[in-house]
Amino acid sequence: MQELTNLIDFYSKFSDEQTCRDYLEKMRWGDNIICPHCGVIDNSYKFKDGRLFKCGACRKQFTVRVGTIFEDSKLPLQKWFLAVYLATSLKKGISSIQLSKYLGITQKTAWFMLHRIRHAVNSTGFDKPLDGEVEIDETYIGGTRKLAQKYDNKSIVFGMVERGGRAKMKHVKSSGARVLLPEIRSTVKPASTIYSDEWGAYKTLPKLGYPHGTVKHHQLEFKRGNAHTNTVEGLWSHFKRGIDGIYIHISSKHLQKYCSEYEYRYNTRDMTDGERFNDWFANVHGRLSYKELLG
């Protein structure tokens, strides 16, 4: 695939609906069509309209959209593709208001599209445990900060970042050990070295098999030997610039979807825009209805 470095490249590559369908079919099935109804491989044929398929096993008809976030959408694939390109290539993301202007659709439709795109991102293959040297930290989104590190109406996001590697971001209910330690144990490979501040929830990490180095942020200590949290702090800086500058306000209900978006952007930071676009389409399976989104 040619590189996608700008909108001219995009429209050159995806000039009409058929080229979009051809690309989606190739990314989803390769050379072997899979029936989304019964799962039978390479036993379907395409109608002359170039859009509709029929399975020779279950006899049901389908299009390449079935079983993806594009299913049941009346919008042309070209608009969907442009939305994906903008959402994955812009470093801070794109708001539903701005996307609605680019695509000539309502803000409500753009908002739903972006959440469908985030839903696909949330299913991508970055589930391998974090390993090596891992930095952990919590940050707070929204609400009003009070004295003595107390927060009013703020949502908590817990971050775990491999140095030089991947990140995981999780919207959590509290910053206590009962919540954070299970997240660490399910995400970070045992015997990995963990670096953090001296938050009390992390005190038992050595007993759980994790070598643990700390820095005293409350004493303005930001590095002690190999111990620092500069990597995860950089992740928070990028995340908050996007939240404050692009999305302005995010409800706690949907915060995890935005965490997944920025986690994906971080984990694909070494990819070109074209590579990231391809990677997203390689994981396009899975529907998200409007009812499911609001439920």
C-alpha atoms as a PDB file:
ATOM      1  CA  MET A   1       0.000   0.000   0.000  1.00  0.00           C
ATOM      2  CA  GLN A   2       1.228   3.497  -0.834  1.00  0.00           C
ATOM      3  CA  GLU A   3       2.091   5.711   2.118  1.00  0.00           C
ATOM      4  CA  LEU A   4      -0.666   7.932   3.493  1.00  0.00           C
ATOM      5  CA  THR A   5       1.017  11.184   4.451  1.00  0.00           C
ATOM      6  CA  ASN A   6      -1.750  13.648   3.607  1.00  0.00           C
ATOM      7  CA  LEU A   7      -5.307  13.952   2.295  1.00  0.00           C
ATOM      8  CA  ILE A   8      -4.131  13.963  -1.326  1.00  0.00           C
ATOM      9  CA  ASP A   9      -2.590  10.527  -0.772  1.00  0.00           C
ATOM     10  CA  PHE A  10      -5.787   9.378   0.894  1.00  0.00           C
ATOM     11  CA  TYR A  11      -8.111  10.395  -1.941  1.00  0.00           C
ATOM     12  CA  SER A  12      -5.685   9.019  -4.515  1.00  0.00           C
ATOM     13  CA  LYS A  13      -5.769   5.626  -2.796  1.00  0.00           C
ATOM     14  CA  PHE A  14      -9.489   5.571  -1.900  1.00  0.00           C
ATOM     15  CA  SER A  15     -11.043   7.412  -4.810  1.00  0.00           C
ATOM     16  CA  ASP A  16     -14.458   5.742  -4.704  1.00  0.00           C
ATOM     17  CA  GLU A  17     -16.628   3.268  -2.835  1.00  0.00           C
ATOM     18  CA  GLN A  18     -15.425   0.243  -4.789  1.00  0.00           C
ATOM     19  CA  THR A  19     -11.759   0.820  -3.983  1.00  0.00           C
ATOM     20  CA  CYS A  20     -12.737   1.092  -0.311  1.00  0.00           C
ATOM     21  CA  ARG A  21     -14.671  -2.182  -0.491  1.00  0.00           C
ATOM     22  CA  ASP A  22     -11.780  -3.921  -2.245  1.00  0.00           C
ATOM     23  CA  TYR A  23      -9.359  -2.753   0.439  1.00  0.00           C
ATOM     24  CA  LEU A  24     -11.662  -3.813   3.286  1.00  0.00           C
ATOM     25  CA  GLU A  25     -12.183  -7.248   1.732  1.00  0.00           C
ATOM     26  CA  LYS A  26      -8.432  -7.711   1.331  1.00  0.00           C
ATOM     27  CA  MET A  27      -7.636  -6.615   4.874  1.00  0.00           C
ATOM     28  CA  ARG A  28     -10.413  -8.681   6.391  1.00  0.00           C
ATOM     29  CA  TRP A  29     -10.272 -11.886   4.376  1.00  0.00           C
ATOM     30  CA  GLY A  30      -7.145 -11.889   2.250  1.00  0.00           C
ATOM     31  CA  ASP A  31      -7.716 -14.451  -0.515  1.00  0.00           C
ATOM     32  CA  ASN A  32     -10.168 -16.594   1.479  1.00  0.00           C
ATOM     33  CA  ILE A  33     -13.644 -15.188   2.080  1.00  0.00           C
ATOM     34  CA  ILE A  34     -15.062 -16.112   5.487  1.00  0.00           C
ATOM     35  CA  CYS A  35     -18.829 -16.208   5.927  1.00  0.00           C
ATOM     36  CA  PRO A  36     -19.696 -13.979   8.920  1.00  0.00           C
ATOM     37  CA  HIS A  37     -22.801 -16.072   9.580  1.00  0.00           C
ATOM     38  CA  CYS A  38     -21.478 -19.654   9.721  1.00  0.00           C
ATOM     39  CA  GLY A  39     -17.695 -19.172   9.606  1.00  0.00           C
ATOM     40  CA  VAL A  40     -17.123 -21.402   6.574  1.00  0.00           C
ATOM     41  CA  ILE A  41     -13.982 -20.409   4.659  1.00  0.00           C
ATOM     42  CA  ASP A  42     -13.725 -19.952   0.900  1.00  0.00           C
ATOM     43  CA  ASN A  43     -17.202 -21.213   0.015  1.00  0.00           C
ATOM     44  CA  SER A  44     -18.834 -17.920  -0.957  1.00  0.00           C
ATOM     45  CA  TYR A  45     -19.275 -16.117  -4.245  1.00  0.00           C
ATOM     46  CA  LYS A  46     -19.705 -12.477  -5.134  1.00  0.00           C
ATOM     47  CA  PHE A  47     -22.654 -11.083  -7.064  1.00  0.00           C
ATOM     48  CA  LYS A  48     -22.099  -9.021 -10.179  1.00  0.00           C
ATOM     49  CA  ASP A  49     -22.885  -5.809  -8.284  1.00  0.00           C
ATOM     50  CA  GLY A  50     -19.446  -6.119  -6.639  1.00  0.00           C
ATOM     51  CA  ARG A  51     -20.937  -5.622  -3.193  1.00  0.00           C
ATOM     52  CA  LEU A  52     -23.017  -8.627  -2.157  1.00  0.00           C
ATOM     53  CA  PHE A  53     -21.810 -12.160  -1.314  1.00  0.00           C
ATOM     54  CA  LYS A  54     -23.643 -15.435  -0.755  1.00  0.00           C
ATOM     55  CA  CYS A  55     -22.366 -18.359   1.289  1.00  0.00           C
ATOM     56  CA  GLY A  56     -22.566 -21.735  -0.420  1.00  0.00           C
ATOM     57  CA  ALA A  57     -22.847 -23.498   2.942  1.00  0.00           C
ATOM     58  CA  CYS A  58     -25.512 -21.608   4.911  1.00  0.00           C
ATOM     59  CA  ARG A  59     -26.966 -19.852   1.820  1.00  0.00           C
ATOM     60  CA  LYS A  60     -27.072 -16.501   3.596  1.00  0.00           C
ATOM     61  CA  GLN A  61     -26.132 -13.236   1.910  1.00  0.00           C
ATOM     62  CA  PHE A  62     -23.722 -10.686   3.343  1.00  0.00           C
ATOM     63  CA  THR A  63     -21.458  -7.772   2.542  1.00  0.00           C
ATOM     64  CA  VAL A  64     -17.946  -7.124   3.806  1.00  0.00           C
ATOM     65  CA  ARG A  65     -19.454  -4.738   6.378  1.00  0.00           C
ATOM     66  CA  VAL A  66     -21.279  -7.508   8.265  1.00  0.00           C
ATOM     67  CA  GLY A  67     -19.670  -8.217  11.626  1.00  0.00           C
ATOM     68  CA  THR A  68     -17.655  -4.984  11.612  1.00  0.00           C
ATOM     69  CA  ILE A  69     -18.194  -1.517  13.044  1.00  0.00           C
ATOM     70  CA  PHE A  70     -19.457  -0.477   9.594  1.00  0.00           C
ATOM     71  CA  GLU A  71     -22.449  -2.823   9.748  1.00  0.00           C
ATOM     72  CA  ASP A  72     -25.850  -1.080   9.675  1.00  0.00           C
ATOM     73  CA  SER A  73     -24.228   2.267   8.829  1.00  0.00           C
ATOM     74  CA  LYS A  74     -25.692   4.163   5.888  1.00  0.00           C
ATOM     75  CA  LEU A  75     -22.566   6.261   5.465  1.00  0.00           C
ATOM     76  CA  PRO A  76     -20.325   5.421   2.509  1.00  0.00           C
ATOM     77  CA  LEU A  77     -17.124   3.575   3.309  1.00  0.00           C
ATOM     78  CA  GLN A  78     -15.057   6.449   1.961  1.00  0.00           C
ATOM     79  CA  LYS A  79     -16.343   8.679   4.787  1.00  0.00           C
ATOM     80  CA  TRP A  80     -15.632   5.948   7.302  1.00  0.00           C
ATOM     81  CA  PHE A  81     -12.128   5.503   5.910  1.00  0.00           C
ATOM     82  CA  LEU A  82     -11.440   9.225   6.145  1.00  0.00           C
ATOM     83  CA  ALA A  83     -12.672   9.231   9.745  1.00  0.00           C
ATOM     84  CA  VAL A  84     -10.323   6.346  10.569  1.00  0.00           C
ATOM     85  CA  TYR A  85      -7.415   8.072   8.843  1.00  0.00           C
ATOM     86  CA  LEU A  86      -7.954  11.327  10.750  1.00  0.00           C
ATOM     87  CA  ALA A  87      -8.556   9.597  14.084  1.00  0.00           C
ATOM     88  CA  THR A  88      -5.407   7.479  13.812  1.00  0.00           C
ATOM     89  CA  SER A  89      -3.016   9.962  12.173  1.00  0.00           C
ATOM     90  CA  LEU A  90      -3.687  13.152  14.149  1.00  0.00           C
ATOM     91  CA  LYS A  91      -1.443  12.999  17.205  1.00  0.00           C
ATOM     92  CA  LYS A  92      -4.009  14.365  19.646  1.00  0.00           C
ATOM     93  CA  GLY A  93      -7.088  12.903  17.962  1.00  0.00           C
ATOM     94  CA  ILE A  94     -10.054  14.732  16.476  1.00  0.00           C
ATOM     95  CA  SER A  95     -13.255  15.994  18.079  1.00  0.00           C
ATOM     96  CA  SER A  96     -16.709  14.987  16.877  1.00  0.00           C
ATOM     97  CA  ILE A  97     -17.435  18.621  16.037  1.00  0.00           C
ATOM     98  CA  GLN A  98     -14.392  18.894  13.785  1.00  0.00           C
ATOM     99  CA  LEU A  99     -15.028  15.502  12.187  1.00  0.00           C
ATOM    100  CA  SER A 100     -18.634  16.460  11.432  1.00  0.00           C
ATOM    101  CA  LYS A 101     -17.346  19.458   9.464  1.00  0.00           C
ATOM    102  CA  TYR A 102     -14.854  17.362   7.494  1.00  0.00           C
ATOM    103  CA  LEU A 103     -17.449  14.739   6.572  1.00  0.00           C
ATOM    104  CA  GLY A 104     -20.547  16.916   6.213  1.00  0.00           C
ATOM    105  CA  ILE A 105     -22.508  14.981   8.846  1.00  0.00           C
ATOM    106  CA  THR A 106     -24.118  15.796  12.184  1.00  0.00           C
ATOM    107  CA  GLN A 107     -22.059  16.050  15.356  1.00  0.00           C
ATOM    108  CA  LYS A 108     -24.089  13.195  16.847  1.00  0.00           C
ATOM    109  CA  THR A 109     -23.219  10.908  13.932  1.00  0.00           C
ATOM    110  CA  ALA A 110     -19.545  11.909  14.128  1.00  0.00           C
ATOM    111  CA  TRP A 111     -19.526  11.211  17.876  1.00  0.00           C
ATOM    112  CA  PHE A 112     -20.914   7.718  17.292  1.00  0.00           C
ATOM    113  CA  MET A 113     -18.415   7.074  14.487  1.00  0.00           C
ATOM    114  CA  LEU A 114     -15.473   8.000  16.696  1.00  0.00           C
ATOM    115  CA  HIS A 115     -16.682   5.713  19.466  1.00  0.00           C
ATOM    116  CA  ARG A 116     -17.007   2.864  16.979  1.00  0.00           C
ATOM    117  CA  ILE A 117     -13.453   3.549  15.854  1.00  0.00           C
ATOM    118  CA  ARG A 118     -12.285   3.492  19.489  1.00  0.00           C
ATOM    119  CA  HIS A 119     -14.188   0.241  19.988  1.00  0.00           C
ATOM    120  CA  ALA A 120     -12.132  -1.373  17.220  1.00  0.00           C
ATOM    121  CA  VAL A 121      -8.930   0.038  18.716  1.00  0.00           C
ATOM    122  CA  ASN A 122      -9.855  -1.522  22.061  1.00  0.00           C
ATOM    123  CA  SER A 123      -9.833  -4.969  20.452  1.00  0.00           C
ATOM    124  CA  THR A 124      -6.354  -4.697  18.914  1.00  0.00           C
ATOM    125  CA  GLY A 125      -3.602  -7.154  19.761  1.00  0.00           C
ATOM    126  CA  PHE A 126      -1.513  -5.524  22.483  1.00  0.00           C
ATOM    127  CA  ASP A 127      -2.419  -8.014  25.216  1.00  0.00           C
ATOM    128  CA  LYS A 128       1.050  -9.471  25.730  1.00  0.00           C
ATOM    129  CA  PRO A 129       2.151  -8.810  29.351  1.00  0.00           C
ATOM    130  CA  LEU A 130       4.403  -5.817  29.946  1.00  0.00           C
ATOM    131  CA  ASP A 131       7.957  -6.893  30.733  1.00  0.00           C
ATOM    132  CA  GLY A 132      11.389  -5.613  31.694  1.00  0.00           C
ATOM    133  CA  GLU A 133      11.404  -2.189  33.361  1.00  0.00           C
ATOM    134  CA  VAL A 134       7.870  -0.900  33.874  1.00  0.00           C
ATOM    135  CA  GLU A 135       6.787   2.483  35.232  1.00  0.00           C
ATOM    136  CA  ILE A 136       3.404   2.870  36.921  1.00  0.00           C
ATOM    137  CA  ASP A 137       1.415   5.895  38.020  1.00  0.00           C
ATOM    138  CA  GLU A 138      -2.103   7.213  38.487  1.00  0.00           C
ATOM    139  CA  THR A 139      -3.541  10.436  37.142  1.00  0.00           C
ATOM    140  CA  TYR A 140      -6.817  12.249  37.666  1.00  0.00           C
ATOM    141  CA  ILE A 141      -9.162  13.525  34.982  1.00  0.00           C
ATOM    142  CA  GLY A 142     -11.888  16.152  35.433  1.00  0.00           C
ATOM    143  CA  GLY A 143     -13.340  17.520  38.679  1.00  0.00           C
ATOM    144  CA  THR A 144     -11.670  19.927  41.090  1.00  0.00           C
ATOM    145  CA  ARG A 145      -8.449  19.346  42.975  1.00  0.00           C
ATOM    146  CA  LYS A 146      -8.553  20.005  46.721  1.00  0.00           C
ATOM    147  CA  LEU A 147      -5.920  20.232  49.434  1.00  0.00           C
ATOM    148  CA  ALA A 148      -3.812  17.322  50.702  1.00  0.00           C
ATOM    149  CA  GLN A 149      -3.985  15.400  47.407  1.00  0.00           C
ATOM    150  CA  LYS A 150      -7.749  14.979  47.643  1.00  0.00           C
ATOM    151  CA  TYR A 151      -9.816  15.131  44.474  1.00  0.00           C
ATOM    152  CA  ASP A 152     -13.470  15.990  44.056  1.00  0.00           C
ATOM    153  CA  ASN A 153     -15.456  14.320  41.250  1.00  0.00           C
ATOM    154  CA  LYS A 154     -12.309  13.231  39.460  1.00  0.00           C
ATOM    155  CA  SER A 155     -11.899  10.015  37.502  1.00  0.00           C
ATOM    156  CA  ILE A 156      -8.769   7.946  38.052  1.00  0.00           C
ATOM    157  CA  VAL A 157      -6.678   6.516  35.226  1.00  0.00           C
ATOM    158  CA  PHE A 158      -3.951   4.002  36.029  1.00  0.00           C
ATOM    159  CA  GLY A 159      -1.009   3.759  33.651  1.00  0.00           C
ATOM    160  CA  MET A 160       1.673   1.090  33.194  1.00  0.00           C
ATOM    161  CA  VAL A 161       4.456   1.696  30.658  1.00  0.00           C
ATOM    162  CA  GLU A 162       7.388  -0.425  29.517  1.00  0.00           C
ATOM    163  CA  ARG A 163      10.501   1.652  29.068  1.00  0.00           C
ATOM    164  CA  GLY A 164      10.987   1.730  25.313  1.00  0.00           C
ATOM    165  CA  GLY A 165       7.886  -0.387  24.785  1.00  0.00           C
ATOM    166  CA  ARG A 166       4.138  -0.523  25.222  1.00  0.00           C
ATOM    167  CA  ALA A 167       1.637   1.110  27.550  1.00  0.00           C
ATOM    168  CA  LYS A 168      -1.605   0.086  29.220  1.00  0.00           C
ATOM    169  CA  MET A 169      -4.148   2.603  30.481  1.00  0.00           C
ATOM    170  CA  LYS A 170      -7.073   1.644  32.672  1.00  0.00           C
ATOM    171  CA  HIS A 171      -9.927   3.702  34.106  1.00  0.00           C
ATOM    172  CA  VAL A 172     -10.182   2.458  37.703  1.00  0.00           C
ATOM    173  CA  LYS A 173     -12.615   3.047  40.558  1.00  0.00           C
ATOM    174  CA  SER A 174      -9.977   3.896  43.152  1.00  0.00           C
ATOM    175  CA  SER A 175      -6.237   4.242  43.644  1.00  0.00           C
ATOM    176  CA  GLY A 176      -6.134   1.772  46.514  1.00  0.00           C
ATOM    177  CA  ALA A 177      -4.106  -1.418  46.630  1.00  0.00           C
ATOM    178  CA  ARG A 178      -7.198  -3.616  46.270  1.00  0.00           C
ATOM    179  CA  VAL A 179      -7.799  -2.128  42.828  1.00  0.00           C
ATOM    180  CA  LEU A 180      -4.298  -1.369  41.529  1.00  0.00           C
ATOM    181  CA  LEU A 181      -2.449  -4.532  42.568  1.00  0.00           C
ATOM    182  CA  PRO A 182      -4.761  -6.880  40.605  1.00  0.00           C
ATOM    183  CA  GLU A 183      -4.323  -4.605  37.575  1.00  0.00           C
ATOM    184  CA  ILE A 184      -0.552  -4.860  37.919  1.00  0.00           C
ATOM    185  CA  ARG A 185      -0.568  -8.632  38.360  1.00  0.00           C
ATOM    186  CA  SER A 186      -2.782  -9.153  35.307  1.00  0.00           C
ATOM    187  CA  THR A 187      -0.746  -6.790  33.105  1.00  0.00           C
ATOM    188  CA  VAL A 188       2.916  -6.913  34.185  1.00  0.00           C
ATOM    189  CA  LYS A 189       4.976 -10.089  33.862  1.00  0.00           C
ATOM    190  CA  PRO A 190       6.234 -11.443  37.211  1.00  0.00           C
ATOM    191  CA  ALA A 191       9.833 -10.505  38.106  1.00  0.00           C
ATOM    192  CA  SER A 192       9.639  -7.314  36.022  1.00  0.00           C
ATOM    193  CA  THR A 193      11.179  -4.300  37.748  1.00  0.00           C
ATOM    194  CA  ILE A 194       8.554  -1.704  38.608  1.00  0.00           C
ATOM    195  CA  TYR A 195       9.256   1.975  39.216  1.00  0.00           C
ATOM    196  CA  SER A 196       6.798   4.342  40.868  1.00  0.00           C
ATOM    197  CA  ASP A 197       6.429   7.114  43.400  1.00  0.00           C
ATOM    198  CA  GLU A 198       5.942   6.171  47.052  1.00  0.00           C
ATOM    199  CA  TRP A 199       2.170   5.815  46.913  1.00  0.00           C
ATOM    200  CA  GLY A 200       1.162   3.369  49.658  1.00  0.00           C
ATOM    201  CA  ALA A 201      -0.750   1.042  47.331  1.00  0.00           C
ATOM    202  CA  TYR A 202       2.569  -0.129  45.868  1.00  0.00           C
ATOM    203  CA  LYS A 203       4.361  -1.059  49.104  1.00  0.00           C
ATOM    204  CA  THR A 204       3.720  -4.796  48.812  1.00  0.00           C
ATOM    205  CA  LEU A 205       5.027  -5.146  45.238  1.00  0.00           C
ATOM    206  CA  PRO A 206       8.289  -6.859  46.357  1.00  0.00           C
ATOM    207  CA  LYS A 207       6.237  -9.481  48.216  1.00  0.00           C
ATOM    208  CA  LEU A 208       4.384 -10.169  44.972  1.00  0.00           C
ATOM    209  CA  GLY A 209       7.652 -10.864  43.151  1.00  0.00           C
ATOM    210  CA  TYR A 210       8.292  -7.451  41.577  1.00  0.00           C
ATOM    211  CA  PRO A 211      11.584  -5.644  42.294  1.00  0.00           C
ATOM    212  CA  HIS A 212      10.458  -2.115  43.139  1.00  0.00           C
ATOM    213  CA  GLY A 213      12.264   1.213  42.857  1.00  0.00           C
ATOM    214  CA  THR A 214      10.730   4.491  44.001  1.00  0.00           C
ATOM    215  CA  VAL A 215      11.193   8.244  43.889  1.00  0.00           C
ATOM    216  CA  LYS A 216       9.881  10.761  46.423  1.00  0.00           C
ATOM    217  CA  HIS A 217       7.862  13.203  44.358  1.00  0.00           C
ATOM    218  CA  HIS A 218       6.559  14.941  47.476  1.00  0.00           C
ATOM    219  CA  GLN A 219      10.176  15.865  48.268  1.00  0.00           C
ATOM    220  CA  LEU A 220      10.763  16.988  44.662  1.00  0.00           C
ATOM    221  CA  GLU A 221      12.876  13.916  43.956  1.00  0.00           C
ATOM    222  CA  PHE A 222      12.332  12.838  40.350  1.00  0.00           C
ATOM    223  CA  LYS A 223      15.221  10.425  39.766  1.00  0.00           C
ATOM    224  CA  ARG A 224      17.171   8.050  41.991  1.00  0.00           C
ATOM    225  CA  GLY A 225      19.539   5.848  40.028  1.00  0.00           C
ATOM    226  CA  ASN A 226      17.380   3.962  37.525  1.00  0.00           C
ATOM    227  CA  ALA A 227      14.229   4.859  39.427  1.00  0.00           C
ATOM    228  CA  HIS A 228      12.062   7.502  37.775  1.00  0.00           C
ATOM    229  CA  THR A 229       8.597   7.833  36.260  1.00  0.00           C
ATOM    230  CA  ASN A 230       9.480  10.168  33.399  1.00  0.00           C
ATOM    231  CA  THR A 231       8.145   7.758  30.760  1.00  0.00           C
ATOM    232  CA  VAL A 232       4.679   7.393  32.229  1.00  0.00           C
ATOM    233  CA  GLU A 233       4.597  11.125  33.029  1.00  0.00           C
ATOM    234  CA  GLY A 234       5.219  11.750  29.329  1.00  0.00           C
ATOM    235  CA  LEU A 235       2.239   9.541  28.522  1.00  0.00           C
ATOM    236  CA  TRP A 236       0.060  11.566  30.906  1.00  0.00           C
ATOM    237  CA  SER A 237       1.243  14.829  29.379  1.00  0.00           C
ATOM    238  CA  HIS A 238       0.196  13.711  25.890  1.00  0.00           C
ATOM    239  CA  PHE A 239      -3.085  12.258  27.168  1.00  0.00           C
ATOM    240  CA  LYS A 240      -4.083  15.398  29.054  1.00  0.00           C
ATOM    241  CA  ARG A 241      -3.165  17.724  26.191  1.00  0.00           C
ATOM    242  CA  GLY A 242      -5.565  15.767  24.023  1.00  0.00           C
ATOM    243  CA  ILE A 243      -8.300  15.642  26.641  1.00  0.00           C
ATOM    244  CA  ASP A 244      -8.051  19.349  27.481  1.00  0.00           C
ATOM    245  CA  GLY A 245      -7.377  20.638  23.975  1.00  0.00           C
ATOM    246  CA  ILE A 246      -9.422  18.359  21.710  1.00  0.00           C
ATOM    247  CA  TYR A 247     -12.210  16.696  23.661  1.00  0.00           C
ATOM    248  CA  ILE A 248     -12.641  19.349  26.411  1.00  0.00           C
ATOM    249  CA  HIS A 249     -15.020  17.238  28.503  1.00  0.00           C
ATOM    250  CA  ILE A 250     -15.237  13.457  28.756  1.00  0.00           C
ATOM    251  CA  SER A 251     -17.825  11.632  30.831  1.00  0.00           C
ATOM    252  CA  SER A 252     -16.579   9.019  33.260  1.00  0.00           C
ATOM    253  CA  LYS A 253     -18.812   6.504  31.475  1.00  0.00           C
ATOM    254  CA  HIS A 254     -16.802   6.723  28.240  1.00  0.00           C
ATOM    255  CA  LEU A 255     -13.358   7.496  29.690  1.00  0.00           C
ATOM    256  CA  GLN A 256     -11.984   3.984  29.085  1.00  0.00           C
ATOM    257  CA  LYS A 257     -12.675   4.334  25.361  1.00  0.00           C
ATOM    258  CA  TYR A 258     -10.495   7.451  25.245  1.00  0.00           C
ATOM    259  CA  CYS A 259      -7.834   5.676  27.302  1.00  0.00           C
ATOM    260  CA  SER A 260      -7.827   2.890  24.713  1.00  0.00           C
ATOM    261  CA  GLU A 261      -7.465   5.442  21.916  1.00  0.00           C
ATOM    262  CA  TYR A 262      -4.408   7.094  23.462  1.00  0.00           C
ATOM    263  CA  GLU A 263      -2.946   3.750  24.509  1.00  0.00           C
ATOM    264  CA  TYR A 264      -3.204   2.592  20.897  1.00  0.00           C
ATOM    265  CA  ARG A 265      -1.649   5.807  19.627  1.00  0.00           C
ATOM    266  CA  TYR A 266       1.267   5.374  22.038  1.00  0.00           C
ATOM    267  CA  ASN A 267       1.780   1.708  21.178  1.00  0.00           C
ATOM    268  CA  THR A 268       1.879   2.450  17.447  1.00  0.00           C
ATOM    269  CA  ARG A 269       4.032   5.584  17.741  1.00  0.00           C
ATOM    270  CA  ASP A 270       6.823   4.053  15.635  1.00  0.00           C
ATOM    271  CA  MET A 271       4.458   3.234  12.754  1.00  0.00           C
ATOM    272  CA  THR A 272       3.906   5.540   9.805  1.00  0.00           C
ATOM    273  CA  ASP A 273       0.376   6.858   9.287  1.00  0.00           C
ATOM    274  CA  GLY A 274      -0.145   4.303   6.531  1.00  0.00           C
ATOM    275  CA  GLU A 275       1.101   1.428   8.690  1.00  0.00           C
ATOM    276  CA  ARG A 276      -1.146   2.499  11.546  1.00  0.00           C
ATOM    277  CA  PHE A 277      -4.114   2.757   9.166  1.00  0.00           C
ATOM    278  CA  ASN A 278      -3.458  -0.813   7.974  1.00  0.00           C
ATOM    279  CA  ASP A 279      -3.006  -2.038  11.529  1.00  0.00           C
ATOM    280  CA  TRP A 280      -6.350  -0.572  12.545  1.00  0.00           C
ATOM    281  CA  PHE A 281      -8.139  -2.275   9.651  1.00  0.00           C
ATOM    282  CA  ALA A 282      -6.514  -5.580  10.539  1.00  0.00           C
ATOM    283  CA  ASN A 283      -8.547  -5.407  13.769  1.00  0.00           C
ATOM    284  CA  VAL A 284     -11.829  -4.056  12.434  1.00  0.00           C
ATOM    285  CA  HIS A 285     -13.956  -6.994  13.591  1.00  0.00           C
ATOM    286  CA  GLY A 286     -16.691  -6.416  16.145  1.00  0.00           C
ATOM    287  CA  ARG A 287     -19.870  -4.367  16.106  1.00  0.00           C
ATOM    288  CA  LEU A 288     -20.949  -1.589  18.455  1.00  0.00           C
ATOM    289  CA  SER A 289     -24.581  -0.499  18.280  1.00  0.00           C
ATOM    290  CA  TYR A 290     -25.817   2.894  19.455  1.00  0.00           C
ATOM    291  CA  LYS A 291     -27.880   1.137  22.133  1.00  0.00           C
ATOM    292  CA  GLU A 292     -24.789  -0.710  23.397  1.00  0.00           C
ATOM    293  CA  LEU A 293     -22.810   2.530  23.474  1.00  0.00           C
ATOM    294  CA  LEU A 294     -25.405   4.344  25.565  1.00  0.00           C
ATOM    295  CA  GLY A 295     -26.362   1.321  27.686  1.00  0.00           C
END
